[in-house]
Amino acid sequence: MSETEQEWKPKARPQSTMAQAFSSALDSAFSLDSDVNQLSLNIDQKKQQMIIQSRELEALQERIREAEERLKKSPTDEKPPTHGAQRQTAGKDESS
């Protein structure tokens, strides 16, 4: 190896115009820069949706518990007649 080959070390980003253009084309082709930012935004939005939906779910569960408690406390003797009972009485009236 020659002395110049041993001294040459690649830098973090290519320096030639052609290499920079190629690197930029690759970045845009694979959306390397914007993908990470977009994914971070999507994750944040989904976290916010999860928080909101969790709160809504908790509120609905509380309303269900309250309704169940009211049903337990209400008297069970005052049930409205069923449709079958009404049909039977209606049938008896017609035969009389």
Protein backbone atom coordinates (compact mmCIF):
# COMPACT_ATOMS: atom_id res chain seq x y z
CA MET A 1 0.00 0.00 0.00
CA SER A 2 1.15 3.49 -0.69
CA GLU A 3 1.50 6.14 1.92
CA THR A 4 -1.53 8.11 0.68
CA GLU A 5 -3.82 5.07 0.95
CA GLN A 6 -2.80 4.50 4.57
CA GLU A 7 -3.36 8.14 5.49
CA TRP A 8 -6.80 8.37 3.88
CA LYS A 9 -9.65 7.89 6.31
CA PRO A 10 -13.30 8.26 5.35
CA LYS A 11 -15.19 11.09 6.97
CA ALA A 12 -18.69 10.84 8.47
CA ARG A 13 -20.36 12.20 5.34
CA PRO A 14 -19.02 12.07 1.78
CA GLN A 15 -17.40 15.26 0.60
CA SER A 16 -17.59 15.12 -3.18
CA THR A 17 -20.58 16.72 -4.88
CA MET A 18 -21.43 13.50 -6.64
CA ALA A 19 -21.25 11.49 -3.41
CA GLN A 20 -23.32 14.10 -1.54
CA ALA A 21 -25.96 14.02 -4.27
CA PHE A 22 -26.02 10.22 -4.19
CA SER A 23 -26.29 10.22 -0.39
CA SER A 24 -29.09 12.76 -0.53
CA ALA A 25 -30.90 10.72 -3.18
CA LEU A 26 -30.63 7.61 -0.99
CA ASP A 27 -31.90 9.50 2.05
CA SER A 28 -34.90 10.82 0.15
CA ALA A 29 -35.55 7.50 -1.58
CA PHE A 30 -35.73 5.68 1.71
CA SER A 31 -37.05 8.68 3.65
CA LEU A 32 -34.48 8.14 6.35
CA ASP A 33 -34.74 11.61 7.86
CA SER A 34 -38.48 12.13 7.73
CA ASP A 35 -39.46 8.56 8.68
CA VAL A 36 -38.08 8.84 12.18
CA ASN A 37 -39.77 12.17 12.78
CA GLN A 38 -43.06 10.97 11.31
CA LEU A 39 -42.98 7.77 13.36
CA SER A 40 -42.32 9.78 16.52
CA LEU A 41 -45.29 12.01 15.75
CA ASN A 42 -47.51 8.99 15.05
CA ILE A 43 -46.47 7.38 18.33
CA ASP A 44 -47.23 10.56 20.27
CA GLN A 45 -50.64 10.89 18.61
CA LYS A 46 -51.50 7.28 19.34
CA LYS A 47 -50.43 7.70 22.97
CA GLN A 48 -52.76 10.68 23.27
CA GLN A 49 -55.60 8.69 21.69
CA MET A 50 -54.97 5.83 24.10
CA ILE A 51 -55.08 8.19 27.09
CA ILE A 52 -58.33 9.78 25.90
CA GLN A 53 -59.94 6.42 25.12
CA SER A 54 -58.84 5.01 28.48
CA ARG A 55 -60.48 7.93 30.27
CA GLU A 56 -63.66 7.49 28.24
CA LEU A 57 -63.68 3.77 29.01
CA GLU A 58 -63.26 4.43 32.74
CA ALA A 59 -66.14 6.92 32.65
CA LEU A 60 -68.37 4.42 30.84
CA GLN A 61 -67.46 1.67 33.28
CA GLU A 62 -68.35 3.97 36.17
CA ARG A 63 -71.73 4.78 34.58
CA ILE A 64 -72.40 1.06 34.12
CA ARG A 65 -71.55 0.38 37.77
CA GLU A 66 -73.87 3.19 38.88
CA ALA A 67 -76.69 1.85 36.69
CA GLU A 68 -76.17 -1.66 38.07
CA GLU A 69 -76.35 -0.31 41.62
CA ARG A 70 -79.60 1.53 40.82
CA LEU A 71 -81.04 -1.65 39.35
CA LYS A 72 -80.10 -3.61 42.45
CA LYS A 73 -81.77 -1.02 44.69
CA SER A 74 -84.97 -0.75 42.67
CA PRO A 75 -87.91 -2.94 43.79
CA THR A 76 -88.27 -6.10 41.76
CA ASP A 77 -92.02 -6.49 42.50
CA GLU A 78 -93.03 -3.79 40.02
CA LYS A 79 -92.06 -5.58 36.82
CA PRO A 80 -94.15 -4.65 33.77
CA PRO A 81 -96.24 -7.50 32.32
CA THR A 82 -94.63 -9.47 29.56
CA HIS A 83 -96.06 -9.65 26.08
CA GLY A 84 -96.93 -13.31 26.55
CA ALA A 85 -99.20 -12.52 29.52
CA GLN A 86 -101.01 -9.83 27.52
CA ARG A 87 -101.64 -12.23 24.66
CA GLN A 88 -103.08 -14.85 26.98
CA THR A 89 -105.56 -12.40 28.50
CA ALA A 90 -106.45 -11.08 25.08
CA GLY A 91 -107.13 -14.62 23.88
CA LYS A 92 -109.38 -15.34 26.86
CA ASP A 93 -111.42 -12.21 26.21
CA GLU A 94 -112.09 -13.23 22.62
CA SER A 95 -113.35 -16.70 23.56
CA SER A 96 -115.78 -15.37 26.19
